[in-house]
């Protein structure tokens, strides 16, 4: 499905035949090219269009965008400058960017701006679709790994994402005992509005803020269980659970064992010969 910045639908675009919820933003002043790409990609993805940088940034701020395709000559600043702006922003650095270029020299400029891919005209439809699919799959893999290993994938992130995650991780780790730690507290700490913080975190980690806090609490609890002699009830309070029952249920859901069973599995066993 394709929509312009005013969200008007193009009825001639075929409906998607997959369950994809990914949204692609097309940026460029060539309306004919946007229509062509919209028809090509609209069967699989939700497609939004912007004819200049200002509209593109507005849509990025207000909508959940998973990938940007920009003409190198797009809008006020040019596609490469828009790309550099996104890649240097803690809000948007996680979003893959494809630049459509005219030739070899443009490729160098595009890559220097931080583009994830530069595709030369005339466009190969199959190559473009394959490149989009690969970038989205790679992003999904990072998100999935993040969801299971929390901050372990940081080396795979851009520098801006790494700074964002380190700052967020440090703050959460320092405040695990605070049972009132919530999305508003995190958003304020990261100097973002609640909606912007929510979208950013969801795109990077595939976790909501509350899920992230919960995972951090449980990961820390597992670490304390296996490395300290504290009782389970003490550890529950140390990581911000005010109910041992809720702690036990959440721990079981994440690790498939109860805290007591985990303690038995990770404690050293004394063998008498």
C-alpha atoms as a PDB file:
ATOM      1  CA  UNK A   1       0.000   0.000   0.000  1.00  0.00           C
ATOM      2  CA  UNK A   2       1.398   3.408  -0.940  1.00  0.00           C
ATOM      3  CA  UNK A   3       0.521   6.774   0.524  1.00  0.00           C
ATOM      4  CA  UNK A   4       1.819  10.277   0.005  1.00  0.00           C
ATOM      5  CA  UNK A   5       2.785  12.624   2.808  1.00  0.00           C
ATOM      6  CA  UNK A   6      -0.885  13.545   3.081  1.00  0.00           C
ATOM      7  CA  UNK A   7      -1.656   9.830   3.523  1.00  0.00           C
ATOM      8  CA  UNK A   8      -3.894   9.704   0.430  1.00  0.00           C
ATOM      9  CA  UNK A   9      -4.123   6.147  -0.858  1.00  0.00           C
ATOM     10  CA  UNK A  10      -3.514   5.132  -4.463  1.00  0.00           C
ATOM     11  CA  UNK A  11      -6.434   2.761  -5.223  1.00  0.00           C
ATOM     12  CA  UNK A  12      -4.647   1.274  -8.252  1.00  0.00           C
ATOM     13  CA  UNK A  13      -1.818  -0.110  -6.110  1.00  0.00           C
ATOM     14  CA  UNK A  14      -2.351  -3.843  -5.425  1.00  0.00           C
ATOM     15  CA  UNK A  15      -2.906  -4.888  -1.833  1.00  0.00           C
ATOM     16  CA  UNK A  16      -0.018  -6.630  -0.099  1.00  0.00           C
ATOM     17  CA  UNK A  17       0.023 -10.399  -0.453  1.00  0.00           C
ATOM     18  CA  UNK A  18       2.272 -10.977   2.588  1.00  0.00           C
ATOM     19  CA  UNK A  19       2.013 -10.358   6.313  1.00  0.00           C
ATOM     20  CA  UNK A  20       4.823  -7.803   6.231  1.00  0.00           C
ATOM     21  CA  UNK A  21       4.331  -4.796   8.460  1.00  0.00           C
ATOM     22  CA  UNK A  22       7.464  -3.013   7.253  1.00  0.00           C
ATOM     23  CA  UNK A  23       7.067   0.527   5.977  1.00  0.00           C
ATOM     24  CA  UNK A  24       9.342   1.989   3.285  1.00  0.00           C
ATOM     25  CA  UNK A  25       9.749   5.728   2.765  1.00  0.00           C
ATOM     26  CA  UNK A  26      10.517   6.876  -0.804  1.00  0.00           C
ATOM     27  CA  UNK A  27      12.216  10.281  -0.967  1.00  0.00           C
ATOM     28  CA  UNK A  28      12.665  12.181  -4.232  1.00  0.00           C
ATOM     29  CA  UNK A  29      11.265  14.880  -6.472  1.00  0.00           C
ATOM     30  CA  UNK A  30      10.582  12.563  -9.425  1.00  0.00           C
ATOM     31  CA  UNK A  31       6.904  11.683  -8.948  1.00  0.00           C
ATOM     32  CA  UNK A  32       6.945   9.274 -11.898  1.00  0.00           C
ATOM     33  CA  UNK A  33       9.783   7.251 -10.349  1.00  0.00           C
ATOM     34  CA  UNK A  34       8.019   7.252  -6.989  1.00  0.00           C
ATOM     35  CA  UNK A  35       4.837   5.929  -8.599  1.00  0.00           C
ATOM     36  CA  UNK A  36       6.793   3.181 -10.359  1.00  0.00           C
ATOM     37  CA  UNK A  37       8.622   2.141  -7.188  1.00  0.00           C
ATOM     38  CA  UNK A  38       5.408   2.385  -5.188  1.00  0.00           C
ATOM     39  CA  UNK A  39       3.676  -0.048  -7.516  1.00  0.00           C
ATOM     40  CA  UNK A  40       6.659  -2.390  -7.419  1.00  0.00           C
ATOM     41  CA  UNK A  41       7.002  -2.419  -3.629  1.00  0.00           C
ATOM     42  CA  UNK A  42       3.380  -1.847  -2.615  1.00  0.00           C
ATOM     43  CA  UNK A  43       2.524  -5.519  -3.036  1.00  0.00           C
ATOM     44  CA  UNK A  44       4.848  -6.435  -0.170  1.00  0.00           C
ATOM     45  CA  UNK A  45       5.339  -3.336   1.973  1.00  0.00           C
ATOM     46  CA  UNK A  46       3.534  -0.251   3.157  1.00  0.00           C
ATOM     47  CA  UNK A  47       4.980   2.648   1.148  1.00  0.00           C
ATOM     48  CA  UNK A  48       5.059   6.345   2.032  1.00  0.00           C
ATOM     49  CA  UNK A  49       6.406   9.084  -0.243  1.00  0.00           C
ATOM     50  CA  UNK A  50       8.093  12.417   0.377  1.00  0.00           C
ATOM     51  CA  UNK A  51       9.262  14.821  -2.333  1.00  0.00           C
ATOM     52  CA  UNK A  52      11.722  16.708  -0.142  1.00  0.00           C
ATOM     53  CA  UNK A  53      13.820  16.474   2.996  1.00  0.00           C
ATOM     54  CA  UNK A  54      11.387  18.429   5.156  1.00  0.00           C
ATOM     55  CA  UNK A  55       8.491  16.069   4.456  1.00  0.00           C
ATOM     56  CA  UNK A  56      10.760  13.042   4.864  1.00  0.00           C
ATOM     57  CA  UNK A  57      11.846  14.176   8.329  1.00  0.00           C
ATOM     58  CA  UNK A  58       8.232  14.859   9.302  1.00  0.00           C
ATOM     59  CA  UNK A  59       7.211  11.322   8.323  1.00  0.00           C
ATOM     60  CA  UNK A  60      10.216   9.846  10.121  1.00  0.00           C
ATOM     61  CA  UNK A  61       9.186  11.732  13.244  1.00  0.00           C
ATOM     62  CA  UNK A  62       5.515  10.759  13.112  1.00  0.00           C
ATOM     63  CA  UNK A  63       5.487   7.297  11.516  1.00  0.00           C
ATOM     64  CA  UNK A  64       7.325   4.040  12.115  1.00  0.00           C
ATOM     65  CA  UNK A  65       9.681   3.791   9.103  1.00  0.00           C
ATOM     66  CA  UNK A  66      11.734   0.620   8.585  1.00  0.00           C
ATOM     67  CA  UNK A  67      13.737   1.563   5.461  1.00  0.00           C
ATOM     68  CA  UNK A  68      14.377   4.694   3.383  1.00  0.00           C
ATOM     69  CA  UNK A  69      14.988   4.793  -0.380  1.00  0.00           C
ATOM     70  CA  UNK A  70      16.199   8.201  -1.512  1.00  0.00           C
ATOM     71  CA  UNK A  71      17.174   9.794  -4.805  1.00  0.00           C
ATOM     72  CA  UNK A  72      20.653  11.315  -4.581  1.00  0.00           C
ATOM     73  CA  UNK A  73      19.095  14.607  -5.753  1.00  0.00           C
ATOM     74  CA  UNK A  74      16.195  14.509  -3.279  1.00  0.00           C
ATOM     75  CA  UNK A  75      14.793  17.724  -1.892  1.00  0.00           C
ATOM     76  CA  UNK A  76      16.610  20.608  -0.266  1.00  0.00           C
ATOM     77  CA  UNK A  77      19.828  18.935   0.876  1.00  0.00           C
ATOM     78  CA  UNK A  78      20.264  16.092  -1.581  1.00  0.00           C
ATOM     79  CA  UNK A  79      19.890  12.384  -0.875  1.00  0.00           C
ATOM     80  CA  UNK A  80      23.424  11.905   0.432  1.00  0.00           C
ATOM     81  CA  UNK A  81      23.075  14.813   2.876  1.00  0.00           C
ATOM     82  CA  UNK A  82      19.730  13.502   4.072  1.00  0.00           C
ATOM     83  CA  UNK A  83      21.322  10.083   4.528  1.00  0.00           C
ATOM     84  CA  UNK A  84      24.215  11.551   6.527  1.00  0.00           C
ATOM     85  CA  UNK A  85      21.739  13.458   8.679  1.00  0.00           C
ATOM     86  CA  UNK A  86      19.845  10.261   9.481  1.00  0.00           C
ATOM     87  CA  UNK A  87      22.951   8.189  10.156  1.00  0.00           C
ATOM     88  CA  UNK A  88      24.334  10.818  12.538  1.00  0.00           C
ATOM     89  CA  UNK A  89      21.077  11.030  14.479  1.00  0.00           C
ATOM     90  CA  UNK A  90      20.460   8.909  17.559  1.00  0.00           C
ATOM     91  CA  UNK A  91      16.780   8.923  16.567  1.00  0.00           C
ATOM     92  CA  UNK A  92      17.193   7.473  13.059  1.00  0.00           C
ATOM     93  CA  UNK A  93      20.642   5.836  12.766  1.00  0.00           C
ATOM     94  CA  UNK A  94      19.087   2.362  12.976  1.00  0.00           C
ATOM     95  CA  UNK A  95      17.029   2.813   9.787  1.00  0.00           C
ATOM     96  CA  UNK A  96      18.618   1.275   6.644  1.00  0.00           C
ATOM     97  CA  UNK A  97      19.039   3.730   3.761  1.00  0.00           C
ATOM     98  CA  UNK A  98      19.274   2.887   0.051  1.00  0.00           C
ATOM     99  CA  UNK A  99      20.436   5.644  -2.311  1.00  0.00           C
ATOM    100  CA  UNK A 100      19.515   5.616  -6.000  1.00  0.00           C
ATOM    101  CA  UNK A 101      22.531   6.958  -7.891  1.00  0.00           C
ATOM    102  CA  UNK A 102      23.513   7.976 -11.419  1.00  0.00           C
ATOM    103  CA  UNK A 103      27.041   6.585 -11.619  1.00  0.00           C
ATOM    104  CA  UNK A 104      30.284   5.487  -9.979  1.00  0.00           C
ATOM    105  CA  UNK A 105      31.290   8.821  -8.453  1.00  0.00           C
ATOM    106  CA  UNK A 106      27.864   9.094  -6.832  1.00  0.00           C
ATOM    107  CA  UNK A 107      28.401   5.667  -5.265  1.00  0.00           C
ATOM    108  CA  UNK A 108      31.465   6.902  -3.357  1.00  0.00           C
ATOM    109  CA  UNK A 109      29.607  10.000  -2.155  1.00  0.00           C
ATOM    110  CA  UNK A 110      26.658   7.870  -1.127  1.00  0.00           C
ATOM    111  CA  UNK A 111      28.733   5.369   0.826  1.00  0.00           C
ATOM    112  CA  UNK A 112      30.619   8.191   2.539  1.00  0.00           C
ATOM    113  CA  UNK A 113      27.284   9.538   3.745  1.00  0.00           C
ATOM    114  CA  UNK A 114      26.607   6.229   5.499  1.00  0.00           C
ATOM    115  CA  UNK A 115      24.218   4.618   3.020  1.00  0.00           C
ATOM    116  CA  UNK A 116      23.634   0.912   3.551  1.00  0.00           C
ATOM    117  CA  UNK A 117      23.436   0.392  -0.219  1.00  0.00           C
ATOM    118  CA  UNK A 118      23.820   2.429  -3.421  1.00  0.00           C
ATOM    119  CA  UNK A 119      21.948   1.201  -6.485  1.00  0.00           C
ATOM    120  CA  UNK A 120      22.819   2.581  -9.898  1.00  0.00           C
ATOM    121  CA  UNK A 121      20.272   3.502 -12.553  1.00  0.00           C
ATOM    122  CA  UNK A 122      18.741   2.056 -14.646  1.00  0.00           C
ATOM    123  CA  UNK A 123      17.280   0.124 -11.760  1.00  0.00           C
ATOM    124  CA  UNK A 124      17.017  -3.634 -11.747  1.00  0.00           C
ATOM    125  CA  UNK A 125      13.703  -4.361 -10.080  1.00  0.00           C
ATOM    126  CA  UNK A 126      14.743  -7.779  -8.836  1.00  0.00           C
ATOM    127  CA  UNK A 127      18.045  -6.469  -7.473  1.00  0.00           C
ATOM    128  CA  UNK A 128      16.289  -3.634  -5.651  1.00  0.00           C
ATOM    129  CA  UNK A 129      13.763  -6.020  -4.101  1.00  0.00           C
ATOM    130  CA  UNK A 130      16.536  -8.422  -3.059  1.00  0.00           C
ATOM    131  CA  UNK A 131      18.566  -5.599  -1.505  1.00  0.00           C
ATOM    132  CA  UNK A 132      15.557  -4.360   0.457  1.00  0.00           C
ATOM    133  CA  UNK A 133      14.769  -7.870   1.664  1.00  0.00           C
ATOM    134  CA  UNK A 134      18.362  -8.477   2.788  1.00  0.00           C
ATOM    135  CA  UNK A 135      18.611  -5.200   4.693  1.00  0.00           C
ATOM    136  CA  UNK A 136      15.318  -5.821   6.493  1.00  0.00           C
ATOM    137  CA  UNK A 137      16.278  -9.428   7.297  1.00  0.00           C
ATOM    138  CA  UNK A 138      19.625  -8.300   8.716  1.00  0.00           C
ATOM    139  CA  UNK A 139      17.881  -5.665  10.810  1.00  0.00           C
ATOM    140  CA  UNK A 140      15.412  -8.287  12.055  1.00  0.00           C
ATOM    141  CA  UNK A 141      18.280 -10.616  13.012  1.00  0.00           C
ATOM    142  CA  UNK A 142      19.951  -7.901  15.059  1.00  0.00           C
ATOM    143  CA  UNK A 143      16.659  -7.133  16.772  1.00  0.00           C
ATOM    144  CA  UNK A 144      16.038 -10.802  17.523  1.00  0.00           C
ATOM    145  CA  UNK A 145      19.532 -11.252  18.918  1.00  0.00           C
ATOM    146  CA  UNK A 146      19.070  -8.131  20.999  1.00  0.00           C
ATOM    147  CA  UNK A 147      15.794  -9.451  22.393  1.00  0.00           C
ATOM    148  CA  UNK A 148      17.510 -12.626  23.572  1.00  0.00           C
ATOM    149  CA  UNK A 149      20.887 -11.246  24.623  1.00  0.00           C
ATOM    150  CA  UNK A 150      20.051  -7.659  25.560  1.00  0.00           C
ATOM    151  CA  UNK A 151      23.036  -5.377  24.826  1.00  0.00           C
ATOM    152  CA  UNK A 152      25.291  -8.128  23.438  1.00  0.00           C
ATOM    153  CA  UNK A 153      25.034  -7.048  19.763  1.00  0.00           C
ATOM    154  CA  UNK A 154      26.298  -3.489  20.237  1.00  0.00           C
ATOM    155  CA  UNK A 155      29.308  -3.996  17.987  1.00  0.00           C
ATOM    156  CA  UNK A 156      26.878  -4.559  15.094  1.00  0.00           C
ATOM    157  CA  UNK A 157      25.267  -1.149  15.637  1.00  0.00           C
ATOM    158  CA  UNK A 158      26.184   2.250  14.313  1.00  0.00           C
ATOM    159  CA  UNK A 159      28.106   4.520  16.654  1.00  0.00           C
ATOM    160  CA  UNK A 160      25.000   6.564  17.382  1.00  0.00           C
ATOM    161  CA  UNK A 161      22.981   3.446  18.221  1.00  0.00           C
ATOM    162  CA  UNK A 162      25.826   2.185  20.387  1.00  0.00           C
ATOM    163  CA  UNK A 163      25.884   5.452  22.344  1.00  0.00           C
ATOM    164  CA  UNK A 164      22.116   5.311  22.716  1.00  0.00           C
ATOM    165  CA  UNK A 165      22.145   1.723  23.989  1.00  0.00           C
ATOM    166  CA  UNK A 166      25.081   2.219  26.349  1.00  0.00           C
ATOM    167  CA  UNK A 167      23.456   5.271  27.907  1.00  0.00           C
ATOM    168  CA  UNK A 168      20.134   3.474  28.220  1.00  0.00           C
ATOM    169  CA  UNK A 169      21.770   0.321  29.609  1.00  0.00           C
ATOM    170  CA  UNK A 170      23.751   2.255  32.211  1.00  0.00           C
ATOM    171  CA  UNK A 171      20.676   4.119  33.403  1.00  0.00           C
ATOM    172  CA  UNK A 172      18.516   0.985  33.640  1.00  0.00           C
ATOM    173  CA  UNK A 173      21.299  -0.943  35.415  1.00  0.00           C
ATOM    174  CA  UNK A 174      21.691   1.842  37.970  1.00  0.00           C
ATOM    175  CA  UNK A 175      17.963   1.963  38.650  1.00  0.00           C
ATOM    176  CA  UNK A 176      16.866  -1.689  38.706  1.00  0.00           C
ATOM    177  CA  UNK A 177      15.827  -1.410  42.348  1.00  0.00           C
ATOM    178  CA  UNK A 178      13.370   1.350  41.444  1.00  0.00           C
ATOM    179  CA  UNK A 179       9.995  -0.360  41.073  1.00  0.00           C
ATOM    180  CA  UNK A 180       8.634   2.835  39.462  1.00  0.00           C
ATOM    181  CA  UNK A 181      11.102   2.763  36.565  1.00  0.00           C
ATOM    182  CA  UNK A 182       8.959   3.230  33.447  1.00  0.00           C
ATOM    183  CA  UNK A 183       8.870   4.494  29.859  1.00  0.00           C
ATOM    184  CA  UNK A 184       8.379   8.133  30.863  1.00  0.00           C
ATOM    185  CA  UNK A 185      11.460   8.009  33.076  1.00  0.00           C
ATOM    186  CA  UNK A 186      13.551   6.437  30.307  1.00  0.00           C
ATOM    187  CA  UNK A 187      12.314   8.849  27.620  1.00  0.00           C
ATOM    188  CA  UNK A 188      13.144  11.839  29.823  1.00  0.00           C
ATOM    189  CA  UNK A 189      16.594  10.440  30.527  1.00  0.00           C
ATOM    190  CA  UNK A 190      17.246   9.966  26.793  1.00  0.00           C
ATOM    191  CA  UNK A 191      15.988  13.505  26.018  1.00  0.00           C
ATOM    192  CA  UNK A 192      13.219  12.205  23.755  1.00  0.00           C
ATOM    193  CA  UNK A 193       9.470  12.482  23.644  1.00  0.00           C
ATOM    194  CA  UNK A 194       7.646   9.341  24.734  1.00  0.00           C
ATOM    195  CA  UNK A 195       6.473   8.438  21.170  1.00  0.00           C
ATOM    196  CA  UNK A 196       9.928   9.046  19.630  1.00  0.00           C
ATOM    197  CA  UNK A 197      11.671   6.985  22.327  1.00  0.00           C
ATOM    198  CA  UNK A 198       9.141   4.177  21.928  1.00  0.00           C
ATOM    199  CA  UNK A 199       9.628   4.019  18.133  1.00  0.00           C
ATOM    200  CA  UNK A 200      13.419   4.214  18.409  1.00  0.00           C
ATOM    201  CA  UNK A 201      13.657   1.411  20.948  1.00  0.00           C
ATOM    202  CA  UNK A 202      11.150  -0.763  19.114  1.00  0.00           C
ATOM    203  CA  UNK A 203      13.097  -0.446  15.859  1.00  0.00           C
ATOM    204  CA  UNK A 204      16.474  -1.164  17.465  1.00  0.00           C
ATOM    205  CA  UNK A 205      15.482  -3.940  19.842  1.00  0.00           C
ATOM    206  CA  UNK A 206      11.977  -5.125  18.891  1.00  0.00           C
ATOM    207  CA  UNK A 207      11.163  -4.624  22.570  1.00  0.00           C
ATOM    208  CA  UNK A 208       8.836  -2.119  24.160  1.00  0.00           C
ATOM    209  CA  UNK A 209      10.317  -0.012  26.995  1.00  0.00           C
ATOM    210  CA  UNK A 210       8.500  -2.075  29.613  1.00  0.00           C
ATOM    211  CA  UNK A 211       9.696  -5.318  28.031  1.00  0.00           C
ATOM    212  CA  UNK A 212      13.245  -3.981  27.976  1.00  0.00           C
ATOM    213  CA  UNK A 213      13.110  -3.073  31.664  1.00  0.00           C
ATOM    214  CA  UNK A 214      11.686  -6.490  32.489  1.00  0.00           C
ATOM    215  CA  UNK A 215      14.371  -8.312  30.500  1.00  0.00           C
ATOM    216  CA  UNK A 216      17.088  -6.233  32.166  1.00  0.00           C
ATOM    217  CA  UNK A 217      15.689  -7.048  35.614  1.00  0.00           C
ATOM    218  CA  UNK A 218      15.519 -10.773  34.871  1.00  0.00           C
ATOM    219  CA  UNK A 219      18.968 -10.949  33.277  1.00  0.00           C
ATOM    220  CA  UNK A 220      20.447  -9.244  36.320  1.00  0.00           C
ATOM    221  CA  UNK A 221      18.523 -11.587  38.588  1.00  0.00           C
ATOM    222  CA  UNK A 222      19.925 -14.608  36.757  1.00  0.00           C
ATOM    223  CA  UNK A 223      23.435 -13.182  37.143  1.00  0.00           C
ATOM    224  CA  UNK A 224      22.935 -12.616  40.885  1.00  0.00           C
ATOM    225  CA  UNK A 225      21.463 -16.064  41.398  1.00  0.00           C
ATOM    226  CA  UNK A 226      24.457 -17.748  39.783  1.00  0.00           C
ATOM    227  CA  UNK A 227      27.196 -15.567  41.288  1.00  0.00           C
ATOM    228  CA  UNK A 228      26.026 -14.625  44.806  1.00  0.00           C
ATOM    229  CA  UNK A 229      24.680 -16.368  47.864  1.00  0.00           C
ATOM    230  CA  UNK A 230      21.610 -14.168  48.201  1.00  0.00           C
ATOM    231  CA  UNK A 231      18.217 -15.765  48.697  1.00  0.00           C
ATOM    232  CA  UNK A 232      15.734 -15.642  45.822  1.00  0.00           C
ATOM    233  CA  UNK A 233      13.425 -13.317  47.752  1.00  0.00           C
ATOM    234  CA  UNK A 234      16.310 -10.917  48.327  1.00  0.00           C
ATOM    235  CA  UNK A 235      17.317 -10.941  44.668  1.00  0.00           C
ATOM    236  CA  UNK A 236      13.734 -10.247  43.597  1.00  0.00           C
ATOM    237  CA  UNK A 237      13.797  -7.001  45.607  1.00  0.00           C
ATOM    238  CA  UNK A 238      17.304  -6.145  44.378  1.00  0.00           C
ATOM    239  CA  UNK A 239      16.090  -6.098  40.761  1.00  0.00           C
ATOM    240  CA  UNK A 240      12.855  -4.190  41.378  1.00  0.00           C
ATOM    241  CA  UNK A 241      10.162  -6.831  41.914  1.00  0.00           C
ATOM    242  CA  UNK A 242       7.900  -6.079  44.868  1.00  0.00           C
ATOM    243  CA  UNK A 243       6.264  -9.511  44.632  1.00  0.00           C
ATOM    244  CA  UNK A 244       8.219 -12.770  44.777  1.00  0.00           C
ATOM    245  CA  UNK A 245       5.315 -14.508  43.078  1.00  0.00           C
ATOM    246  CA  UNK A 246       5.414 -12.130  40.083  1.00  0.00           C
ATOM    247  CA  UNK A 247       9.193 -12.466  39.971  1.00  0.00           C
ATOM    248  CA  UNK A 248       8.945 -16.258  39.868  1.00  0.00           C
ATOM    249  CA  UNK A 249       6.370 -16.222  37.059  1.00  0.00           C
ATOM    250  CA  UNK A 250       8.386 -13.739  34.967  1.00  0.00           C
ATOM    251  CA  UNK A 251      11.633 -15.650  35.534  1.00  0.00           C
ATOM    252  CA  UNK A 252      10.007 -18.947  34.513  1.00  0.00           C
ATOM    253  CA  UNK A 253       8.596 -17.382  31.362  1.00  0.00           C
ATOM    254  CA  UNK A 254      11.994 -16.043  30.295  1.00  0.00           C
ATOM    255  CA  UNK A 255      14.315 -18.909  31.279  1.00  0.00           C
ATOM    256  CA  UNK A 256      11.918 -21.903  31.344  1.00  0.00           C
ATOM    257  CA  UNK A 257      12.985 -22.729  34.894  1.00  0.00           C
ATOM    258  CA  UNK A 258      12.023 -21.284  38.262  1.00  0.00           C
ATOM    259  CA  UNK A 259      14.536 -19.117  40.144  1.00  0.00           C
ATOM    260  CA  UNK A 260      15.081 -21.944  42.640  1.00  0.00           C
ATOM    261  CA  UNK A 261      15.693 -24.475  39.871  1.00  0.00           C
ATOM    262  CA  UNK A 262      18.092 -22.047  38.183  1.00  0.00           C
ATOM    263  CA  UNK A 263      19.937 -21.612  41.466  1.00  0.00           C
ATOM    264  CA  UNK A 264      20.313 -25.383  41.765  1.00  0.00           C
ATOM    265  CA  UNK A 265      21.499 -25.688  38.170  1.00  0.00           C
ATOM    266  CA  UNK A 266      24.123 -22.954  38.457  1.00  0.00           C
ATOM    267  CA  UNK A 267      25.389 -23.629  41.987  1.00  0.00           C
ATOM    268  CA  UNK A 268      28.579 -25.696  42.280  1.00  0.00           C
ATOM    269  CA  UNK A 269      27.911 -29.298  43.278  1.00  0.00           C
ATOM    270  CA  UNK A 270      29.962 -31.000  45.999  1.00  0.00           C
ATOM    271  CA  UNK A 271      30.908 -34.546  45.155  1.00  0.00           C
ATOM    272  CA  UNK A 272      32.095 -36.829  47.971  1.00  0.00           C
ATOM    273  CA  UNK A 273      34.411 -39.552  46.753  1.00  0.00           C
END
